[in-house]
Amino acid sequence: MSVNQTDAKAILDKVLSIDTRVWAISVIERNGKILAAKSTPSFKETFRVDQDGEKYGGSLAAATLSVVNEVKGIFGEAQIIITIHNNCKLMLLNISSYEILIGLALERSFNCEDDNFIEKIRQLIISVVQKPKSNRTYSL
């Protein structure tokens, strides 16, 4: 099952509302195409970003997952990739059942490895994607 752009946009707001330490999110197809991206005003101010969705961010996320998965024969497929930077943590969640990656920028002190946080994101994705089509709203 895959995620469309309407679903991806719904996922953005739900994930950003989980915790104020979630600064930005991207929903990315496994091929690197960014379906939707959104960040908080504080993220844009702190990192001097004026638009959501970097030009090459999706391709870099897909490439990073590909490189990390070079050892999947030994350790299994990567589920989460976390990098720690001076001002933040970046997290790439591999949601293989929906053929997407979730890219997150988080406050550096946030314990994003917490299984509860990751499970909340997975449940939000399921609640959006599995919502009956008659209950979805689409814009033209």
N, C-alpha and C. Protein backbone atom coordinates (compact mmCIF):
# COMPACT_ATOMS: atom_id res chain seq x y z
N MET A 1 0.85 -1.17 0.00
CA MET A 1 0.00 0.00 0.00
C MET A 1 0.90 1.24 0.00
N SER A 2 0.49 2.26 -0.74
CA SER A 2 1.29 3.47 -0.80
C SER A 2 0.47 4.66 -0.30
N VAL A 3 1.16 5.76 -0.11
CA VAL A 3 0.58 6.99 0.42
C VAL A 3 0.51 8.02 -0.71
N ASN A 4 -0.63 8.70 -0.86
CA ASN A 4 -0.74 9.74 -1.87
C ASN A 4 -0.45 11.11 -1.24
N GLN A 5 -0.45 12.16 -2.05
CA GLN A 5 -0.11 13.49 -1.54
C GLN A 5 -1.12 14.01 -0.51
N THR A 6 -2.39 13.70 -0.71
CA THR A 6 -3.41 14.14 0.25
C THR A 6 -3.17 13.51 1.61
N ASP A 7 -2.89 12.21 1.61
CA ASP A 7 -2.58 11.52 2.86
C ASP A 7 -1.32 12.08 3.49
N ALA A 8 -0.31 12.33 2.66
CA ALA A 8 0.97 12.85 3.16
C ALA A 8 0.77 14.19 3.86
N LYS A 9 -0.04 15.07 3.29
CA LYS A 9 -0.30 16.37 3.91
C LYS A 9 -1.02 16.21 5.24
N ALA A 10 -1.93 15.26 5.33
CA ALA A 10 -2.62 15.01 6.60
C ALA A 10 -1.66 14.48 7.66
N ILE A 11 -0.71 13.66 7.23
CA ILE A 11 0.28 13.10 8.15
C ILE A 11 1.15 14.22 8.75
N LEU A 12 1.51 15.21 7.95
CA LEU A 12 2.37 16.30 8.42
C LEU A 12 1.84 16.95 9.69
N ASP A 13 0.62 17.43 9.63
CA ASP A 13 0.06 18.15 10.77
C ASP A 13 -0.08 17.26 11.99
N LYS A 14 -0.47 16.02 11.78
CA LYS A 14 -0.64 15.10 12.90
C LYS A 14 0.68 14.83 13.60
N VAL A 15 1.74 14.61 12.83
CA VAL A 15 3.04 14.33 13.44
C VAL A 15 3.59 15.58 14.12
N LEU A 16 3.44 16.74 13.50
CA LEU A 16 3.93 17.98 14.12
C LEU A 16 3.21 18.26 15.44
N SER A 17 2.00 17.76 15.60
CA SER A 17 1.25 18.01 16.84
C SER A 17 1.60 17.04 17.97
N ILE A 18 2.40 16.02 17.69
CA ILE A 18 2.77 15.04 18.72
C ILE A 18 3.56 15.70 19.84
N ASP A 19 4.52 16.56 19.47
CA ASP A 19 5.43 17.13 20.45
C ASP A 19 6.03 18.41 19.87
N THR A 20 6.17 19.43 20.70
CA THR A 20 6.72 20.70 20.23
C THR A 20 8.20 20.59 19.84
N ARG A 21 8.84 19.51 20.21
CA ARG A 21 10.25 19.32 19.86
C ARG A 21 10.41 18.72 18.47
N VAL A 22 9.29 18.42 17.81
CA VAL A 22 9.31 18.01 16.40
C VAL A 22 9.24 19.30 15.59
N TRP A 23 10.31 19.63 14.90
CA TRP A 23 10.42 20.91 14.21
C TRP A 23 10.05 20.85 12.73
N ALA A 24 10.26 19.71 12.10
CA ALA A 24 9.98 19.61 10.67
C ALA A 24 9.75 18.15 10.30
N ILE A 25 8.96 17.95 9.26
CA ILE A 25 8.68 16.60 8.78
C ILE A 25 8.57 16.61 7.26
N SER A 26 9.01 15.53 6.66
CA SER A 26 8.83 15.29 5.23
C SER A 26 8.31 13.88 5.05
N VAL A 27 7.38 13.71 4.14
CA VAL A 27 6.91 12.38 3.75
C VAL A 27 7.48 12.15 2.36
N ILE A 28 8.27 11.09 2.23
CA ILE A 28 9.07 10.86 1.03
C ILE A 28 8.79 9.47 0.48
N GLU A 29 8.58 9.38 -0.83
CA GLU A 29 8.46 8.07 -1.46
C GLU A 29 9.82 7.40 -1.45
N ARG A 30 9.83 6.10 -1.52
CA ARG A 30 11.09 5.35 -1.47
C ARG A 30 12.04 5.73 -2.61
N ASN A 31 11.51 6.25 -3.70
CA ASN A 31 12.36 6.66 -4.82
C ASN A 31 12.96 8.06 -4.62
N GLY A 32 12.60 8.74 -3.51
CA GLY A 32 13.17 10.04 -3.19
C GLY A 32 12.25 11.22 -3.47
N LYS A 33 11.09 10.99 -4.07
CA LYS A 33 10.15 12.09 -4.34
C LYS A 33 9.49 12.53 -3.03
N ILE A 34 9.58 13.83 -2.76
CA ILE A 34 8.93 14.37 -1.56
C ILE A 34 7.45 14.57 -1.85
N LEU A 35 6.61 13.87 -1.10
CA LEU A 35 5.16 14.02 -1.26
C LEU A 35 4.64 15.27 -0.55
N ALA A 36 5.19 15.55 0.62
CA ALA A 36 4.78 16.73 1.39
C ALA A 36 5.84 17.01 2.44
N ALA A 37 5.95 18.29 2.80
CA ALA A 37 6.90 18.70 3.83
C ALA A 37 6.35 19.92 4.55
N LYS A 38 6.67 20.00 5.84
CA LYS A 38 6.21 21.14 6.63
C LYS A 38 7.15 21.32 7.82
N SER A 39 7.34 22.57 8.19
CA SER A 39 8.17 22.85 9.36
C SER A 39 7.53 23.95 10.19
N THR A 40 7.98 24.05 11.41
CA THR A 40 7.46 25.07 12.32
C THR A 40 8.16 26.40 12.05
N PRO A 41 7.54 27.50 12.44
CA PRO A 41 8.21 28.80 12.26
C PRO A 41 9.56 28.87 12.99
N SER A 42 9.66 28.25 14.16
CA SER A 42 10.93 28.29 14.89
C SER A 42 12.03 27.53 14.14
N PHE A 43 11.69 26.46 13.45
CA PHE A 43 12.66 25.73 12.64
C PHE A 43 13.17 26.63 11.51
N LYS A 44 12.24 27.27 10.83
CA LYS A 44 12.62 28.14 9.71
C LYS A 44 13.50 29.29 10.19
N GLU A 45 13.18 29.83 11.35
CA GLU A 45 13.96 30.94 11.90
C GLU A 45 15.35 30.48 12.34
N THR A 46 15.40 29.36 13.06
CA THR A 46 16.67 28.85 13.58
C THR A 46 17.64 28.47 12.46
N PHE A 47 17.12 27.82 11.43
CA PHE A 47 17.99 27.30 10.37
C PHE A 47 17.96 28.15 9.09
N ARG A 48 17.29 29.28 9.18
CA ARG A 48 17.19 30.21 8.05
C ARG A 48 16.71 29.52 6.78
N VAL A 49 15.63 28.77 6.94
CA VAL A 49 14.99 28.06 5.83
C VAL A 49 13.73 28.83 5.48
N ASP A 50 13.55 29.15 4.20
CA ASP A 50 12.38 29.93 3.84
C ASP A 50 11.27 29.14 3.16
N GLN A 51 11.54 27.87 2.84
CA GLN A 51 10.48 27.04 2.25
C GLN A 51 10.61 25.61 2.75
N ASP A 52 9.48 24.89 2.72
CA ASP A 52 9.48 23.50 3.14
C ASP A 52 9.85 22.61 1.96
N GLY A 53 10.63 21.57 2.23
CA GLY A 53 10.99 20.62 1.19
C GLY A 53 12.19 21.06 0.39
N GLU A 54 13.35 20.64 0.82
CA GLU A 54 14.60 20.97 0.13
C GLU A 54 14.62 20.29 -1.23
N LYS A 55 15.26 20.88 -2.19
CA LYS A 55 15.28 20.37 -3.56
C LYS A 55 15.80 18.93 -3.64
N TYR A 56 16.86 18.62 -2.93
CA TYR A 56 17.46 17.29 -3.02
C TYR A 56 17.25 16.43 -1.78
N GLY A 57 16.52 16.94 -0.80
CA GLY A 57 16.35 16.23 0.46
C GLY A 57 15.78 14.83 0.33
N GLY A 58 14.80 14.67 -0.54
CA GLY A 58 14.19 13.35 -0.71
C GLY A 58 15.15 12.35 -1.34
N SER A 59 15.89 12.80 -2.33
CA SER A 59 16.87 11.93 -2.98
C SER A 59 17.98 11.54 -2.01
N LEU A 60 18.40 12.50 -1.19
CA LEU A 60 19.44 12.20 -0.20
C LEU A 60 18.93 11.21 0.85
N ALA A 61 17.67 11.35 1.26
CA ALA A 61 17.09 10.42 2.23
C ALA A 61 17.05 9.01 1.65
N ALA A 62 16.60 8.88 0.42
CA ALA A 62 16.53 7.56 -0.22
C ALA A 62 17.94 6.97 -0.39
N ALA A 63 18.90 7.80 -0.77
CA ALA A 63 20.28 7.34 -0.94
C ALA A 63 20.88 6.91 0.40
N THR A 64 20.59 7.67 1.46
CA THR A 64 21.10 7.32 2.79
C THR A 64 20.57 5.96 3.22
N LEU A 65 19.28 5.74 3.02
CA LEU A 65 18.70 4.44 3.37
C LEU A 65 19.35 3.32 2.56
N SER A 66 19.59 3.58 1.30
CA SER A 66 20.22 2.59 0.43
C SER A 66 21.62 2.23 0.92
N VAL A 67 22.40 3.23 1.30
CA VAL A 67 23.75 2.99 1.80
C VAL A 67 23.71 2.19 3.11
N VAL A 68 22.86 2.60 4.02
CA VAL A 68 22.75 1.92 5.31
C VAL A 68 22.29 0.47 5.11
N ASN A 69 21.41 0.25 4.14
CA ASN A 69 20.89 -1.09 3.91
C ASN A 69 21.88 -2.02 3.20
N GLU A 70 23.09 -1.55 2.92
CA GLU A 70 24.11 -2.41 2.34
C GLU A 70 24.43 -3.58 3.28
N VAL A 71 24.14 -3.41 4.55
CA VAL A 71 24.41 -4.48 5.53
C VAL A 71 23.13 -5.19 5.97
N LYS A 72 22.05 -5.02 5.21
CA LYS A 72 20.79 -5.63 5.64
C LYS A 72 20.83 -7.16 5.58
N GLY A 73 21.71 -7.72 4.79
CA GLY A 73 21.86 -9.17 4.77
C GLY A 73 22.35 -9.71 6.11
N ILE A 74 23.05 -8.90 6.86
CA ILE A 74 23.57 -9.29 8.16
C ILE A 74 22.63 -8.85 9.28
N PHE A 75 22.18 -7.60 9.23
CA PHE A 75 21.41 -7.02 10.34
C PHE A 75 19.93 -6.84 10.07
N GLY A 76 19.49 -7.05 8.84
CA GLY A 76 18.11 -6.78 8.48
C GLY A 76 17.98 -5.36 7.96
N GLU A 77 16.81 -5.04 7.40
CA GLU A 77 16.58 -3.72 6.82
C GLU A 77 16.57 -2.64 7.90
N ALA A 78 17.17 -1.50 7.59
CA ALA A 78 17.20 -0.38 8.53
C ALA A 78 15.77 0.11 8.78
N GLN A 79 15.44 0.31 10.04
CA GLN A 79 14.12 0.83 10.41
C GLN A 79 14.18 2.32 10.66
N ILE A 80 15.26 2.76 11.32
CA ILE A 80 15.40 4.16 11.69
C ILE A 80 16.87 4.56 11.55
N ILE A 81 17.10 5.72 10.98
CA ILE A 81 18.44 6.28 10.90
C ILE A 81 18.41 7.61 11.64
N ILE A 82 19.31 7.80 12.58
CA ILE A 82 19.36 9.03 13.37
C ILE A 82 20.75 9.64 13.26
N THR A 83 20.80 10.93 12.96
CA THR A 83 22.07 11.64 12.98
C THR A 83 21.95 12.79 13.98
N ILE A 84 23.02 13.04 14.68
CA ILE A 84 23.04 14.10 15.69
C ILE A 84 23.94 15.21 15.20
N HIS A 85 23.39 16.41 15.19
CA HIS A 85 24.11 17.60 14.72
C HIS A 85 24.23 18.59 15.87
N ASN A 86 24.91 19.70 15.66
CA ASN A 86 25.08 20.70 16.71
C ASN A 86 23.75 21.19 17.27
N ASN A 87 22.81 21.50 16.40
CA ASN A 87 21.57 22.15 16.83
C ASN A 87 20.34 21.25 16.79
N CYS A 88 20.45 20.05 16.27
CA CYS A 88 19.27 19.21 16.15
C CYS A 88 19.64 17.75 15.91
N LYS A 89 18.60 16.91 15.90
CA LYS A 89 18.72 15.52 15.47
C LYS A 89 17.90 15.39 14.21
N LEU A 90 18.39 14.60 13.28
CA LEU A 90 17.63 14.25 12.10
C LEU A 90 17.31 12.76 12.19
N MET A 91 16.08 12.44 11.87
CA MET A 91 15.62 11.06 12.00
C MET A 91 14.94 10.67 10.69
N LEU A 92 15.29 9.51 10.18
CA LEU A 92 14.67 8.97 8.97
C LEU A 92 14.02 7.65 9.35
N LEU A 93 12.70 7.64 9.29
CA LEU A 93 11.92 6.44 9.63
C LEU A 93 11.55 5.73 8.34
N ASN A 94 11.88 4.47 8.25
CA ASN A 94 11.56 3.65 7.09
C ASN A 94 10.22 2.97 7.36
N ILE A 95 9.18 3.39 6.67
CA ILE A 95 7.86 2.78 6.82
C ILE A 95 7.63 1.93 5.57
N SER A 96 8.28 0.78 5.53
CA SER A 96 8.28 -0.04 4.32
C SER A 96 6.90 -0.57 3.95
N SER A 97 6.01 -0.76 4.93
CA SER A 97 4.67 -1.27 4.62
C SER A 97 3.86 -0.28 3.78
N TYR A 98 4.22 1.01 3.81
CA TYR A 98 3.54 2.03 3.00
C TYR A 98 4.46 2.63 1.95
N GLU A 99 5.65 2.06 1.79
CA GLU A 99 6.61 2.47 0.77
C GLU A 99 6.99 3.94 0.89
N ILE A 100 7.13 4.41 2.14
CA ILE A 100 7.52 5.79 2.38
C ILE A 100 8.62 5.88 3.43
N LEU A 101 9.24 7.04 3.44
CA LEU A 101 10.19 7.41 4.48
C LEU A 101 9.62 8.65 5.15
N ILE A 102 9.80 8.75 6.45
CA ILE A 102 9.41 9.94 7.19
C ILE A 102 10.69 10.59 7.68
N GLY A 103 10.96 11.79 7.19
CA GLY A 103 12.13 12.55 7.62
C GLY A 103 11.72 13.56 8.67
N LEU A 104 12.44 13.59 9.77
CA LEU A 104 12.11 14.50 10.87
C LEU A 104 13.33 15.30 11.30
N ALA A 105 13.10 16.57 11.61
CA ALA A 105 14.10 17.39 12.29
C ALA A 105 13.57 17.61 13.69
N LEU A 106 14.40 17.31 14.68
CA LEU A 106 13.96 17.32 16.07
C LEU A 106 14.91 18.13 16.94
N GLU A 107 14.37 18.64 18.03
CA GLU A 107 15.22 19.29 19.02
C GLU A 107 16.30 18.30 19.44
N ARG A 108 17.53 18.77 19.58
CA ARG A 108 18.66 17.87 19.85
C ARG A 108 18.48 17.04 21.11
N SER A 109 17.86 17.60 22.14
CA SER A 109 17.72 16.88 23.41
C SER A 109 16.57 15.87 23.41
N PHE A 110 15.77 15.86 22.37
CA PHE A 110 14.59 14.98 22.31
C PHE A 110 15.02 13.52 22.18
N ASN A 111 14.46 12.65 23.02
CA ASN A 111 14.76 11.23 22.96
C ASN A 111 13.88 10.57 21.89
N CYS A 112 14.27 10.73 20.65
CA CYS A 112 13.47 10.23 19.54
C CYS A 112 13.55 8.71 19.38
N GLU A 113 14.47 8.08 20.08
CA GLU A 113 14.57 6.63 20.02
C GLU A 113 13.51 5.94 20.86
N ASP A 114 12.74 6.71 21.58
CA ASP A 114 11.67 6.20 22.43
C ASP A 114 10.65 5.44 21.57
N ASP A 115 10.43 4.18 21.89
CA ASP A 115 9.49 3.36 21.12
C ASP A 115 8.09 3.95 21.10
N ASN A 116 7.69 4.64 22.16
CA ASN A 116 6.37 5.24 22.22
C ASN A 116 6.22 6.33 21.15
N PHE A 117 7.23 7.15 20.97
CA PHE A 117 7.21 8.20 19.95
C PHE A 117 7.10 7.59 18.56
N ILE A 118 7.90 6.60 18.28
CA ILE A 118 7.91 5.96 16.97
C ILE A 118 6.57 5.27 16.72
N GLU A 119 6.03 4.62 17.71
CA GLU A 119 4.74 3.94 17.56
C GLU A 119 3.62 4.96 17.32
N LYS A 120 3.67 6.12 17.96
CA LYS A 120 2.68 7.17 17.72
C LYS A 120 2.69 7.58 16.25
N ILE A 121 3.87 7.75 15.69
CA ILE A 121 3.98 8.12 14.28
C ILE A 121 3.38 7.04 13.40
N ARG A 122 3.73 5.80 13.67
CA ARG A 122 3.19 4.69 12.86
C ARG A 122 1.67 4.64 12.95
N GLN A 123 1.13 4.81 14.14
CA GLN A 123 -0.33 4.78 14.32
C GLN A 123 -1.01 5.95 13.60
N LEU A 124 -0.38 7.12 13.61
CA LEU A 124 -0.94 8.26 12.88
C LEU A 124 -0.98 7.99 11.38
N ILE A 125 0.06 7.39 10.87
CA ILE A 125 0.10 7.05 9.44
C ILE A 125 -1.01 6.07 9.11
N ILE A 126 -1.14 5.05 9.92
CA ILE A 126 -2.20 4.05 9.70
C ILE A 126 -3.57 4.70 9.74
N SER A 127 -3.80 5.59 10.72
CA SER A 127 -5.12 6.22 10.86
C SER A 127 -5.46 7.09 9.64
N VAL A 128 -4.46 7.70 9.04
CA VAL A 128 -4.70 8.53 7.85
C VAL A 128 -4.90 7.66 6.62
N VAL A 129 -4.01 6.72 6.39
CA VAL A 129 -4.02 5.94 5.16
C VAL A 129 -5.21 4.97 5.12
N GLN A 130 -5.58 4.44 6.25
CA GLN A 130 -6.66 3.45 6.25
C GLN A 130 -8.04 4.06 6.47
N LYS A 131 -8.11 5.39 6.54
CA LYS A 131 -9.41 6.06 6.66
C LYS A 131 -10.22 5.76 5.41
N PRO A 132 -11.50 5.41 5.56
CA PRO A 132 -12.33 5.15 4.37
C PRO A 132 -12.33 6.35 3.42
N LYS A 133 -12.29 6.08 2.13
CA LYS A 133 -12.23 7.15 1.13
C LYS A 133 -13.37 8.14 1.25
N SER A 134 -14.53 7.68 1.70
CA SER A 134 -15.67 8.58 1.81
C SER A 134 -15.46 9.62 2.91
N ASN A 135 -14.56 9.35 3.85
CA ASN A 135 -14.28 10.28 4.95
C ASN A 135 -13.11 11.21 4.64
N ARG A 136 -12.43 11.00 3.53
CA ARG A 136 -11.29 11.84 3.17
C ARG A 136 -11.76 13.08 2.45
N THR A 137 -11.03 14.15 2.63
CA THR A 137 -11.35 15.37 1.89
C THR A 137 -10.25 15.62 0.89
N TYR A 138 -10.64 15.96 -0.31
CA TYR A 138 -9.68 16.21 -1.38
C TYR A 138 -9.86 17.62 -1.90
N SER A 139 -8.79 18.25 -2.20
CA SER A 139 -8.88 19.59 -2.80
C SER A 139 -8.47 19.52 -4.26
N LEU A 140 -9.06 20.37 -5.05
CA LEU A 140 -8.74 20.38 -6.48
C LEU A 140 -7.63 21.33 -6.78
